[in-house]
N, C-alpha and C. Protein backbone atom coordinates (compact mmCIF):
# COMPACT_ATOMS: atom_id res chain seq x y z
N UNK A 1 184.80 51.24 120.57
CA UNK A 1 184.19 50.64 121.76
C UNK A 1 182.72 50.37 121.51
N UNK A 2 182.22 49.26 121.92
CA UNK A 2 180.82 48.93 121.69
C UNK A 2 179.95 49.68 122.70
N UNK A 3 178.62 49.73 122.40
CA UNK A 3 177.71 50.45 123.29
C UNK A 3 177.35 49.66 124.52
N UNK A 4 177.68 48.36 124.54
CA UNK A 4 177.37 47.53 125.71
C UNK A 4 178.32 46.32 125.72
N UNK A 5 178.70 45.90 126.89
CA UNK A 5 179.55 44.73 127.02
C UNK A 5 178.65 43.52 127.22
N UNK A 6 178.65 42.59 126.26
CA UNK A 6 177.72 41.47 126.36
C UNK A 6 178.41 40.21 126.89
N UNK A 7 177.62 39.14 127.02
CA UNK A 7 178.13 37.89 127.60
C UNK A 7 179.27 37.30 126.78
N UNK A 8 179.17 37.42 125.45
CA UNK A 8 180.21 36.86 124.60
C UNK A 8 181.57 37.54 124.87
N UNK A 9 181.51 38.84 125.13
CA UNK A 9 182.74 39.57 125.43
C UNK A 9 183.36 39.06 126.73
N UNK A 10 182.53 38.86 127.76
CA UNK A 10 183.03 38.43 129.05
C UNK A 10 183.52 36.97 129.05
N UNK A 11 183.11 36.23 128.04
CA UNK A 11 183.62 34.85 127.92
C UNK A 11 185.03 34.83 127.31
N UNK A 12 185.44 35.94 126.71
CA UNK A 12 186.76 36.02 126.10
C UNK A 12 187.81 36.35 127.14
N UNK A 13 189.08 36.19 126.77
CA UNK A 13 190.16 36.52 127.70
C UNK A 13 190.16 38.01 128.06
N UNK A 14 189.95 38.83 127.06
CA UNK A 14 189.88 40.29 127.32
C UNK A 14 188.74 40.59 128.28
N UNK A 15 187.61 39.94 128.08
CA UNK A 15 186.48 40.16 128.97
C UNK A 15 186.74 39.74 130.40
N UNK A 16 187.47 38.64 130.56
CA UNK A 16 187.83 38.15 131.89
C UNK A 16 188.77 39.13 132.57
N UNK A 17 189.68 39.76 131.81
CA UNK A 17 190.59 40.73 132.37
C UNK A 17 189.80 41.97 132.84
N UNK A 18 188.85 42.42 132.00
CA UNK A 18 188.04 43.57 132.35
C UNK A 18 187.23 43.30 133.60
N UNK A 19 186.63 42.10 133.71
CA UNK A 19 185.84 41.75 134.86
C UNK A 19 186.69 41.70 136.13
N UNK A 20 187.91 41.22 136.01
CA UNK A 20 188.82 41.13 137.17
C UNK A 20 189.24 42.51 137.63
N UNK A 21 189.61 43.36 136.66
CA UNK A 21 190.08 44.71 136.99
C UNK A 21 188.95 45.58 137.54
N UNK A 22 187.72 45.22 137.19
CA UNK A 22 186.58 46.02 137.68
C UNK A 22 186.44 45.92 139.19
N UNK A 23 186.80 44.77 139.75
CA UNK A 23 186.65 44.58 141.20
C UNK A 23 187.69 45.38 141.99
N UNK A 24 188.92 45.42 141.48
CA UNK A 24 189.98 46.26 142.06
C UNK A 24 191.14 46.33 141.07
N UNK A 25 192.04 47.29 141.24
CA UNK A 25 193.18 47.42 140.31
C UNK A 25 194.08 46.17 140.43
N UNK A 26 194.66 45.78 139.31
CA UNK A 26 195.49 44.57 139.25
C UNK A 26 196.80 44.87 138.49
N UNK A 27 197.83 44.13 138.83
CA UNK A 27 199.09 44.18 138.10
C UNK A 27 199.10 43.08 137.03
N UNK A 28 200.08 43.13 136.16
CA UNK A 28 200.22 42.08 135.14
C UNK A 28 200.41 40.73 135.81
N UNK A 29 201.25 40.69 136.83
CA UNK A 29 201.51 39.43 137.53
C UNK A 29 200.25 38.85 138.16
N UNK A 30 199.48 39.72 138.79
CA UNK A 30 198.24 39.25 139.46
C UNK A 30 197.25 38.72 138.44
N UNK A 31 197.12 39.40 137.31
CA UNK A 31 196.20 38.93 136.25
C UNK A 31 196.69 37.60 135.66
N UNK A 32 197.99 37.50 135.46
CA UNK A 32 198.55 36.27 134.89
C UNK A 32 198.27 35.07 135.80
N UNK A 33 198.45 35.26 137.12
CA UNK A 33 198.21 34.17 138.05
C UNK A 33 196.70 33.82 138.14
N UNK A 34 195.90 34.85 138.18
CA UNK A 34 194.45 34.62 138.33
C UNK A 34 193.86 33.94 137.11
N UNK A 35 194.33 34.32 135.90
CA UNK A 35 193.73 33.82 134.68
C UNK A 35 194.54 32.70 134.02
N UNK A 36 195.63 32.34 134.71
CA UNK A 36 196.49 31.24 134.20
C UNK A 36 197.03 31.58 132.79
N UNK A 37 197.58 32.78 132.67
CA UNK A 37 198.20 33.26 131.42
C UNK A 37 199.64 33.62 131.68
N UNK A 38 200.39 33.78 130.61
CA UNK A 38 201.75 34.30 130.75
C UNK A 38 201.70 35.81 130.90
N UNK A 39 202.76 36.40 131.48
CA UNK A 39 202.83 37.83 131.60
C UNK A 39 202.73 38.54 130.25
N UNK A 40 203.42 37.97 129.24
CA UNK A 40 203.40 38.58 127.90
C UNK A 40 202.00 38.55 127.30
N UNK A 41 201.27 37.47 127.52
CA UNK A 41 199.90 37.38 126.99
C UNK A 41 199.02 38.45 127.64
N UNK A 42 199.17 38.62 128.95
CA UNK A 42 198.39 39.66 129.65
C UNK A 42 198.73 41.03 129.10
N UNK A 43 200.02 41.31 128.95
CA UNK A 43 200.44 42.63 128.45
C UNK A 43 199.84 42.91 127.06
N UNK A 44 199.82 41.89 126.22
CA UNK A 44 199.25 42.06 124.87
C UNK A 44 197.77 42.42 124.94
N UNK A 45 197.04 41.75 125.81
CA UNK A 45 195.62 42.07 125.96
C UNK A 45 195.44 43.46 126.57
N UNK A 46 196.28 43.84 127.52
CA UNK A 46 196.14 45.15 128.15
C UNK A 46 196.40 46.30 127.15
N UNK A 47 197.36 46.07 126.26
CA UNK A 47 197.61 47.08 125.21
C UNK A 47 196.36 47.27 124.38
N UNK A 48 195.70 46.19 124.01
CA UNK A 48 194.49 46.25 123.21
C UNK A 48 193.36 46.94 123.99
N UNK A 49 193.22 46.60 125.26
CA UNK A 49 192.17 47.17 126.08
C UNK A 49 192.39 48.66 126.34
N UNK A 50 193.66 49.05 126.49
CA UNK A 50 193.99 50.47 126.66
C UNK A 50 193.67 51.23 125.38
N UNK A 51 193.97 50.66 124.25
CA UNK A 51 193.68 51.28 122.98
C UNK A 51 192.18 51.50 122.79
N UNK A 52 191.40 50.55 123.27
CA UNK A 52 189.94 50.64 123.14
C UNK A 52 189.30 51.51 124.23
N UNK A 53 190.12 52.03 125.14
CA UNK A 53 189.62 52.92 126.17
C UNK A 53 188.90 52.22 127.31
N UNK A 54 189.17 50.92 127.50
CA UNK A 54 188.50 50.17 128.59
C UNK A 54 189.36 50.09 129.84
N UNK A 55 190.67 50.12 129.67
CA UNK A 55 191.61 49.94 130.79
C UNK A 55 192.61 51.10 130.78
N UNK A 56 193.10 51.47 131.96
CA UNK A 56 194.15 52.48 132.05
C UNK A 56 195.06 52.14 133.23
N UNK A 57 196.29 52.67 133.18
CA UNK A 57 197.20 52.49 134.32
C UNK A 57 196.73 53.34 135.48
N UNK A 58 196.78 52.74 136.69
CA UNK A 58 196.23 53.46 137.82
C UNK A 58 197.28 53.77 138.89
N UNK A 59 198.51 53.27 138.71
CA UNK A 59 199.56 53.52 139.71
C UNK A 59 200.63 52.47 139.66
N UNK A 60 201.45 52.49 140.67
CA UNK A 60 202.57 51.56 140.72
C UNK A 60 202.55 50.84 142.09
N UNK A 61 202.71 49.52 142.05
CA UNK A 61 202.78 48.75 143.30
C UNK A 61 204.22 48.24 143.45
N UNK A 62 204.72 48.29 144.65
CA UNK A 62 206.09 47.83 144.90
C UNK A 62 206.15 46.30 144.81
N UNK A 63 207.22 45.82 144.14
CA UNK A 63 207.45 44.38 144.05
C UNK A 63 208.69 43.97 144.79
N UNK A 64 208.99 42.68 144.83
CA UNK A 64 210.20 42.22 145.54
C UNK A 64 211.47 42.65 144.82
N UNK A 65 211.39 42.73 143.50
CA UNK A 65 212.57 43.11 142.75
C UNK A 65 212.39 44.45 142.04
N UNK A 66 211.20 44.72 141.52
CA UNK A 66 210.95 45.97 140.83
C UNK A 66 209.47 46.34 140.96
N UNK A 67 209.14 47.63 140.79
CA UNK A 67 207.74 48.04 140.90
C UNK A 67 206.92 47.52 139.71
N UNK A 68 205.61 47.37 139.93
CA UNK A 68 204.71 46.88 138.87
C UNK A 68 203.58 47.89 138.66
N UNK A 69 203.27 48.14 137.40
CA UNK A 69 202.12 48.99 137.10
C UNK A 69 200.85 48.27 137.42
N UNK A 70 199.88 48.99 137.98
CA UNK A 70 198.57 48.42 138.20
C UNK A 70 197.57 49.02 137.20
N UNK A 71 196.49 48.31 136.94
CA UNK A 71 195.53 48.72 135.94
C UNK A 71 194.12 48.73 136.53
N UNK A 72 193.31 49.66 136.03
CA UNK A 72 191.94 49.78 136.48
C UNK A 72 191.03 50.07 135.30
N UNK A 73 189.74 49.96 135.54
CA UNK A 73 188.74 50.21 134.52
C UNK A 73 188.60 51.73 134.32
N UNK A 74 188.40 52.20 133.10
CA UNK A 74 188.18 53.60 132.83
C UNK A 74 186.75 53.96 133.20
N UNK A 75 186.50 55.25 133.37
CA UNK A 75 185.15 55.73 133.70
C UNK A 75 184.20 55.40 132.56
N UNK A 76 184.64 55.58 131.33
CA UNK A 76 183.79 55.30 130.16
C UNK A 76 183.45 53.83 130.08
N UNK A 77 184.39 52.97 130.40
CA UNK A 77 184.12 51.51 130.37
C UNK A 77 183.09 51.13 131.39
N UNK A 78 183.11 51.75 132.55
CA UNK A 78 182.14 51.42 133.60
C UNK A 78 180.72 51.67 133.12
N UNK A 79 180.55 52.67 132.25
CA UNK A 79 179.22 53.00 131.75
C UNK A 79 178.65 51.90 130.83
N UNK A 80 179.53 51.03 130.33
CA UNK A 80 179.10 49.99 129.40
C UNK A 80 178.52 48.77 130.12
N UNK A 81 178.69 48.69 131.42
CA UNK A 81 178.20 47.52 132.14
C UNK A 81 176.69 47.61 132.32
N UNK A 82 175.99 46.49 132.19
CA UNK A 82 174.54 46.49 132.40
C UNK A 82 174.17 47.04 133.78
N UNK A 83 173.13 47.86 133.80
CA UNK A 83 172.68 48.44 135.07
C UNK A 83 171.25 47.97 135.38
N UNK A 84 170.85 48.14 136.60
CA UNK A 84 169.49 47.78 136.99
C UNK A 84 168.50 48.95 136.84
N UNK A 85 169.01 50.10 136.28
CA UNK A 85 168.18 51.27 136.21
C UNK A 85 166.90 51.05 135.40
N UNK A 86 167.02 50.33 134.28
CA UNK A 86 165.87 50.12 133.42
C UNK A 86 164.77 49.37 134.14
N UNK A 87 165.15 48.31 134.83
CA UNK A 87 164.16 47.51 135.58
C UNK A 87 163.51 48.34 136.67
N UNK A 88 164.33 49.12 137.36
CA UNK A 88 163.81 49.97 138.46
C UNK A 88 162.85 51.01 137.95
N UNK A 89 163.23 51.68 136.82
CA UNK A 89 162.37 52.71 136.26
C UNK A 89 161.04 52.14 135.82
N UNK A 90 161.08 51.00 135.16
CA UNK A 90 159.83 50.36 134.72
C UNK A 90 158.93 50.02 135.88
N UNK A 91 159.50 49.51 136.96
CA UNK A 91 158.73 49.14 138.12
C UNK A 91 158.17 50.38 138.81
N UNK A 92 158.97 51.43 138.85
CA UNK A 92 158.51 52.69 139.45
C UNK A 92 157.31 53.25 138.71
N UNK A 93 157.38 53.31 137.37
CA UNK A 93 156.27 53.81 136.59
C UNK A 93 155.02 52.93 136.76
N UNK A 94 155.24 51.62 136.78
CA UNK A 94 154.12 50.70 136.93
C UNK A 94 153.42 50.93 138.28
N UNK A 95 154.20 51.15 139.33
CA UNK A 95 153.64 51.40 140.65
C UNK A 95 152.89 52.72 140.69
N UNK A 96 153.46 53.76 140.03
CA UNK A 96 152.80 55.06 139.98
C UNK A 96 151.44 54.96 139.28
N UNK A 97 151.36 54.10 138.26
CA UNK A 97 150.11 53.96 137.52
C UNK A 97 149.00 53.36 138.40
N UNK A 98 149.42 52.57 139.35
CA UNK A 98 148.45 51.96 140.27
C UNK A 98 147.93 53.00 141.26
N UNK A 99 148.81 53.86 141.69
CA UNK A 99 148.49 54.81 142.77
C UNK A 99 147.98 56.17 142.28
N UNK A 100 148.37 56.60 141.06
CA UNK A 100 148.05 57.93 140.60
C UNK A 100 147.23 57.92 139.32
N UNK A 101 146.58 59.03 139.07
CA UNK A 101 145.83 59.20 137.82
C UNK A 101 146.80 59.53 136.68
N UNK A 102 146.33 59.44 135.45
CA UNK A 102 147.16 59.74 134.29
C UNK A 102 147.74 61.17 134.36
N UNK A 103 146.88 62.10 134.75
CA UNK A 103 147.32 63.49 134.86
C UNK A 103 148.37 63.68 135.93
N UNK A 104 148.20 62.97 137.07
CA UNK A 104 149.17 63.06 138.16
C UNK A 104 150.52 62.46 137.78
N UNK A 105 150.48 61.36 137.04
CA UNK A 105 151.72 60.74 136.60
C UNK A 105 152.47 61.68 135.64
N UNK A 106 151.73 62.31 134.74
CA UNK A 106 152.34 63.25 133.79
C UNK A 106 152.99 64.42 134.52
N UNK A 107 152.33 64.91 135.56
CA UNK A 107 152.89 66.01 136.32
C UNK A 107 154.15 65.58 137.07
N UNK A 108 154.17 64.37 137.61
CA UNK A 108 155.37 63.85 138.27
C UNK A 108 156.53 63.80 137.28
N UNK A 109 156.28 63.30 136.07
CA UNK A 109 157.33 63.22 135.04
C UNK A 109 157.83 64.59 134.65
N UNK A 110 156.92 65.55 134.58
CA UNK A 110 157.33 66.94 134.25
C UNK A 110 158.18 67.53 135.38
N UNK A 111 157.82 67.21 136.59
CA UNK A 111 158.63 67.70 137.73
C UNK A 111 160.05 67.14 137.66
N UNK A 112 160.16 65.87 137.28
CA UNK A 112 161.48 65.26 137.15
C UNK A 112 162.25 65.91 136.03
N UNK A 113 161.57 66.20 134.91
CA UNK A 113 162.21 66.88 133.78
C UNK A 113 162.70 68.25 134.16
N UNK A 114 161.90 68.98 134.93
CA UNK A 114 162.30 70.33 135.35
C UNK A 114 163.50 70.26 136.32
N UNK A 115 163.48 69.27 137.19
CA UNK A 115 164.60 69.10 138.14
C UNK A 115 165.89 68.76 137.41
N UNK A 116 165.79 67.89 136.39
CA UNK A 116 166.97 67.53 135.60
C UNK A 116 167.49 68.75 134.85
N UNK A 117 166.60 69.55 134.33
CA UNK A 117 167.01 70.74 133.60
C UNK A 117 167.77 71.71 134.50
N UNK A 118 167.23 71.88 135.71
CA UNK A 118 167.90 72.78 136.66
C UNK A 118 169.27 72.26 137.07
N UNK A 119 169.40 70.95 137.21
CA UNK A 119 170.66 70.38 137.63
C UNK A 119 171.70 70.38 136.51
N UNK A 120 171.25 70.26 135.25
CA UNK A 120 172.19 70.10 134.15
C UNK A 120 172.46 71.34 133.34
N UNK A 121 171.74 72.38 133.57
CA UNK A 121 171.92 73.61 132.77
C UNK A 121 172.28 74.77 133.64
N UNK A 122 173.60 74.90 133.88
CA UNK A 122 174.08 75.98 134.75
C UNK A 122 173.77 77.35 134.20
N UNK A 123 173.67 77.48 132.85
CA UNK A 123 173.40 78.76 132.24
C UNK A 123 171.93 79.10 132.14
N UNK A 124 171.07 78.27 132.72
CA UNK A 124 169.64 78.51 132.63
C UNK A 124 169.20 78.54 131.18
N UNK A 125 168.22 79.40 130.81
CA UNK A 125 167.84 79.52 129.41
C UNK A 125 168.32 80.84 128.83
N UNK A 126 169.52 81.30 129.30
CA UNK A 126 170.12 82.53 128.79
C UNK A 126 170.87 82.21 127.51
N UNK A 127 171.21 83.26 126.73
CA UNK A 127 171.98 83.12 125.52
C UNK A 127 171.07 82.91 124.30
N UNK A 128 171.70 82.86 123.12
CA UNK A 128 170.93 82.68 121.89
C UNK A 128 170.45 81.24 121.72
N UNK A 129 169.71 81.02 120.65
CA UNK A 129 169.15 79.70 120.42
C UNK A 129 170.23 78.61 120.35
N UNK A 130 171.32 78.91 119.64
CA UNK A 130 172.38 77.92 119.45
C UNK A 130 172.93 77.46 120.81
N UNK A 131 173.15 78.43 121.72
CA UNK A 131 173.70 78.08 123.02
C UNK A 131 172.69 77.28 123.84
N UNK A 132 171.43 77.64 123.76
CA UNK A 132 170.40 76.94 124.53
C UNK A 132 170.21 75.50 124.00
N UNK A 133 170.19 75.35 122.68
CA UNK A 133 170.05 74.02 122.10
C UNK A 133 171.26 73.16 122.43
N UNK A 134 172.46 73.79 122.39
CA UNK A 134 173.68 73.04 122.71
C UNK A 134 173.60 72.47 124.13
N UNK A 135 173.07 73.31 125.06
CA UNK A 135 172.92 72.81 126.43
C UNK A 135 171.88 71.71 126.50
N UNK A 136 170.82 71.84 125.69
CA UNK A 136 169.75 70.82 125.68
C UNK A 136 170.26 69.51 125.13
N UNK A 137 171.08 69.57 124.07
CA UNK A 137 171.63 68.35 123.49
C UNK A 137 172.59 67.67 124.49
N UNK A 138 173.35 68.51 125.21
CA UNK A 138 174.26 67.97 126.22
C UNK A 138 173.50 67.29 127.35
N UNK A 139 172.34 67.88 127.71
CA UNK A 139 171.52 67.28 128.76
C UNK A 139 170.97 65.93 128.34
N UNK A 140 170.55 65.81 127.07
CA UNK A 140 170.07 64.54 126.57
C UNK A 140 171.21 63.50 126.56
N UNK A 141 172.39 63.97 126.20
CA UNK A 141 173.54 63.06 126.19
C UNK A 141 173.87 62.55 127.58
N UNK A 142 173.71 63.42 128.56
CA UNK A 142 173.99 63.04 129.96
C UNK A 142 173.08 61.95 130.49
N UNK A 143 171.87 61.84 129.90
CA UNK A 143 170.98 60.78 130.34
C UNK A 143 170.99 59.60 129.36
N UNK A 144 171.97 59.62 128.42
CA UNK A 144 172.16 58.47 127.55
C UNK A 144 171.77 58.63 126.09
N UNK A 145 171.39 59.84 125.69
CA UNK A 145 171.01 60.07 124.29
C UNK A 145 172.18 60.49 123.43
N UNK A 146 171.96 60.60 122.15
CA UNK A 146 172.96 61.08 121.19
C UNK A 146 172.23 61.87 120.12
N UNK A 147 171.82 63.08 120.48
CA UNK A 147 170.89 63.84 119.65
C UNK A 147 171.63 64.77 118.66
N UNK A 148 170.87 65.21 117.66
CA UNK A 148 171.38 66.16 116.67
C UNK A 148 170.30 67.19 116.38
N UNK A 149 170.70 68.34 115.88
CA UNK A 149 169.75 69.44 115.59
C UNK A 149 169.66 69.63 114.09
N UNK A 150 168.44 69.74 113.59
CA UNK A 150 168.21 70.02 112.18
C UNK A 150 167.28 71.21 112.03
N UNK A 151 167.61 72.10 111.07
CA UNK A 151 166.75 73.25 110.81
C UNK A 151 165.76 72.87 109.74
N UNK A 152 164.48 73.08 110.02
CA UNK A 152 163.42 72.76 109.09
C UNK A 152 162.73 74.05 108.66
N UNK A 153 161.89 73.94 107.63
CA UNK A 153 161.20 75.11 107.12
C UNK A 153 160.27 75.71 108.18
N UNK A 154 159.69 74.85 108.99
CA UNK A 154 158.73 75.31 110.01
C UNK A 154 159.34 75.38 111.40
N UNK A 155 160.68 75.36 111.48
CA UNK A 155 161.33 75.49 112.78
C UNK A 155 162.57 74.61 112.90
N UNK A 156 162.77 74.08 114.10
CA UNK A 156 163.93 73.22 114.36
C UNK A 156 163.46 71.87 114.89
N UNK A 157 164.28 70.85 114.66
CA UNK A 157 163.98 69.50 115.12
C UNK A 157 165.20 68.92 115.83
N UNK A 158 164.99 68.39 117.03
CA UNK A 158 166.03 67.65 117.75
C UNK A 158 165.69 66.18 117.58
N UNK A 159 166.64 65.41 117.02
CA UNK A 159 166.39 63.99 116.81
C UNK A 159 167.52 63.12 117.39
N UNK A 160 167.17 61.92 117.73
CA UNK A 160 168.16 60.94 118.22
C UNK A 160 167.70 59.56 117.76
N UNK A 161 168.61 58.82 117.12
CA UNK A 161 168.26 57.47 116.68
C UNK A 161 168.21 56.46 117.82
N UNK A 162 168.71 56.89 118.99
CA UNK A 162 168.68 56.02 120.15
C UNK A 162 168.02 56.76 121.32
N UNK A 163 166.92 56.22 121.80
CA UNK A 163 166.20 56.83 122.90
C UNK A 163 166.89 56.49 124.21
N UNK A 164 167.28 57.48 125.02
CA UNK A 164 167.95 57.21 126.30
C UNK A 164 167.05 56.52 127.33
N UNK A 165 165.74 56.57 127.10
CA UNK A 165 164.78 55.95 128.00
C UNK A 165 164.07 54.80 127.32
N UNK A 166 164.73 54.19 126.38
CA UNK A 166 164.11 53.16 125.51
C UNK A 166 163.43 52.06 126.28
N UNK A 167 164.10 51.51 127.29
CA UNK A 167 163.51 50.37 128.02
C UNK A 167 162.20 50.74 128.71
N UNK A 168 162.10 51.96 129.18
CA UNK A 168 160.86 52.38 129.85
C UNK A 168 159.81 52.82 128.84
N UNK A 169 160.21 53.50 127.79
CA UNK A 169 159.31 54.02 126.78
C UNK A 169 158.51 52.91 126.11
N UNK A 170 159.16 51.77 125.91
CA UNK A 170 158.48 50.63 125.26
C UNK A 170 157.21 50.23 126.00
N UNK A 171 157.26 50.29 127.33
CA UNK A 171 156.10 49.91 128.12
C UNK A 171 155.28 51.09 128.59
N UNK A 172 155.96 52.24 128.75
CA UNK A 172 155.31 53.43 129.32
C UNK A 172 155.65 54.63 128.45
N UNK A 173 154.94 54.83 127.32
CA UNK A 173 155.25 55.92 126.38
C UNK A 173 155.17 57.31 126.98
N UNK A 174 154.43 57.45 128.09
CA UNK A 174 154.33 58.76 128.71
C UNK A 174 155.66 59.26 129.31
N UNK A 175 156.63 58.37 129.41
CA UNK A 175 157.97 58.78 129.92
C UNK A 175 158.62 59.81 129.02
N UNK A 176 158.21 59.86 127.75
CA UNK A 176 158.75 60.87 126.82
C UNK A 176 158.45 62.28 127.30
N UNK A 177 157.41 62.42 128.13
CA UNK A 177 157.06 63.72 128.71
C UNK A 177 158.21 64.28 129.51
N UNK A 178 158.96 63.40 130.17
CA UNK A 178 160.11 63.82 130.97
C UNK A 178 161.14 64.52 130.09
N UNK A 179 161.49 63.89 128.96
CA UNK A 179 162.49 64.47 128.05
C UNK A 179 161.99 65.75 127.40
N UNK A 180 160.68 65.76 127.06
CA UNK A 180 160.08 66.97 126.48
C UNK A 180 160.20 68.17 127.43
N UNK A 181 159.92 67.92 128.68
CA UNK A 181 160.01 68.99 129.69
C UNK A 181 161.44 69.42 129.91
N UNK A 182 162.36 68.47 129.94
CA UNK A 182 163.78 68.77 130.11
C UNK A 182 164.25 69.74 129.05
N UNK A 183 163.90 69.45 127.76
CA UNK A 183 164.32 70.32 126.66
C UNK A 183 163.60 71.68 126.70
N UNK A 184 162.32 71.66 127.01
CA UNK A 184 161.55 72.91 127.10
C UNK A 184 162.16 73.86 128.12
N UNK A 185 162.52 73.34 129.28
CA UNK A 185 163.07 74.16 130.36
C UNK A 185 164.43 74.74 129.96
N UNK A 186 165.27 73.97 129.31
CA UNK A 186 166.61 74.43 128.99
C UNK A 186 166.60 75.39 127.80
N UNK A 187 165.78 75.12 126.79
CA UNK A 187 165.72 75.98 125.61
C UNK A 187 164.94 77.25 125.88
N UNK A 188 163.99 77.17 126.79
CA UNK A 188 163.21 78.36 127.15
C UNK A 188 162.05 78.60 126.21
N UNK A 189 161.62 77.60 125.48
CA UNK A 189 160.47 77.69 124.60
C UNK A 189 159.78 76.32 124.58
N UNK A 190 158.50 76.31 124.27
CA UNK A 190 157.76 75.08 124.22
C UNK A 190 158.33 74.12 123.18
N UNK A 191 158.66 72.93 123.61
CA UNK A 191 159.16 71.87 122.73
C UNK A 191 158.10 70.80 122.64
N UNK A 192 157.83 70.29 121.43
CA UNK A 192 156.76 69.31 121.25
C UNK A 192 157.37 67.95 120.91
N UNK A 193 156.97 66.96 121.71
CA UNK A 193 157.46 65.61 121.56
C UNK A 193 156.71 64.90 120.42
N UNK A 194 157.50 64.41 119.44
CA UNK A 194 156.94 63.68 118.31
C UNK A 194 157.75 62.40 118.09
N UNK A 195 157.98 61.68 119.15
CA UNK A 195 158.88 60.52 119.10
C UNK A 195 158.27 59.34 118.33
N UNK A 196 159.10 58.54 117.74
CA UNK A 196 158.73 57.32 117.06
C UNK A 196 158.90 56.14 118.01
N UNK A 197 157.80 55.54 118.45
CA UNK A 197 157.87 54.46 119.42
C UNK A 197 157.60 53.10 118.82
N UNK A 198 157.73 52.98 117.49
CA UNK A 198 157.58 51.68 116.84
C UNK A 198 158.94 50.97 116.82
N UNK A 199 158.93 49.70 117.18
CA UNK A 199 160.17 48.91 117.23
C UNK A 199 161.19 49.60 118.14
N UNK A 200 162.34 49.99 117.57
CA UNK A 200 163.37 50.69 118.38
C UNK A 200 163.01 52.15 118.48
N UNK A 201 162.61 52.63 119.68
CA UNK A 201 162.19 54.03 119.83
C UNK A 201 163.24 55.03 119.40
N UNK A 202 162.79 56.11 118.73
CA UNK A 202 163.67 57.18 118.27
C UNK A 202 163.07 58.51 118.75
N UNK A 203 163.94 59.39 119.24
CA UNK A 203 163.50 60.67 119.76
C UNK A 203 163.30 61.70 118.63
N UNK A 204 162.26 62.49 118.80
CA UNK A 204 162.04 63.62 117.87
C UNK A 204 161.30 64.71 118.64
N UNK A 205 161.91 65.86 118.73
CA UNK A 205 161.32 67.00 119.44
C UNK A 205 161.34 68.22 118.53
N UNK A 206 160.19 68.85 118.37
CA UNK A 206 160.05 69.96 117.43
C UNK A 206 159.99 71.29 118.18
N UNK A 207 160.72 72.29 117.62
CA UNK A 207 160.70 73.65 118.14
C UNK A 207 160.11 74.52 117.04
N UNK A 208 158.91 75.11 117.26
CA UNK A 208 158.24 75.87 116.21
C UNK A 208 159.08 77.06 115.72
N UNK A 209 158.87 77.46 114.46
CA UNK A 209 159.59 78.59 113.87
C UNK A 209 159.28 79.90 114.58
N UNK A 210 158.15 79.96 115.25
CA UNK A 210 157.78 81.19 115.98
C UNK A 210 158.79 81.53 117.07
N UNK A 211 159.56 80.52 117.47
CA UNK A 211 160.60 80.74 118.47
C UNK A 211 161.87 81.18 117.72
N UNK A 212 162.23 82.45 117.82
CA UNK A 212 163.34 83.01 117.05
C UNK A 212 164.63 83.00 117.83
N UNK A 213 164.62 82.46 119.04
CA UNK A 213 165.85 82.34 119.81
C UNK A 213 166.27 83.61 120.50
N UNK A 214 165.41 84.65 120.51
CA UNK A 214 165.78 85.89 121.16
C UNK A 214 165.53 85.81 122.67
């Protein structure tokens, strides 16, 4: 499955099926009539879409002669649709910069990071380092990251080749403070943000060796 559904996909027959099913569940017959396809052609595309994890059977609808399976979009597929979150976040940060000082904006971002940590880490900062970092990695994944942990001579490093806040970070680098605070709160030790914001932003957060995970 791709990381995003683009215009070229939606111009294809499979894309048109996905767009139709997104509005409400559909049967093979309904899709065939709407898209001017044969039932067999629709079934072939549905098999492919089910295999890719975009479509699933959602129930059975009664027909005049026999029942028909209906299909709906999967939860994972819904995440692939473009959202307005990036535009909204950028506008929010831009507005905050007009109204607040740099220090006040940083504190707001840290408050958001602490709130996210509290909401996403049921275990708090209890347990050994491995458990705490596992929760921190899961928290990053929940906001769109795909992080990994590496042990270094001078401590530990959490890295991600894809920044979950990429669209905002490009214009407002201070947004990385939010992720830094999120990790700090969950791991229970100071985490230092060392992100690469050149071209495609990449996450890097360092945990000093002085933190032994006890």
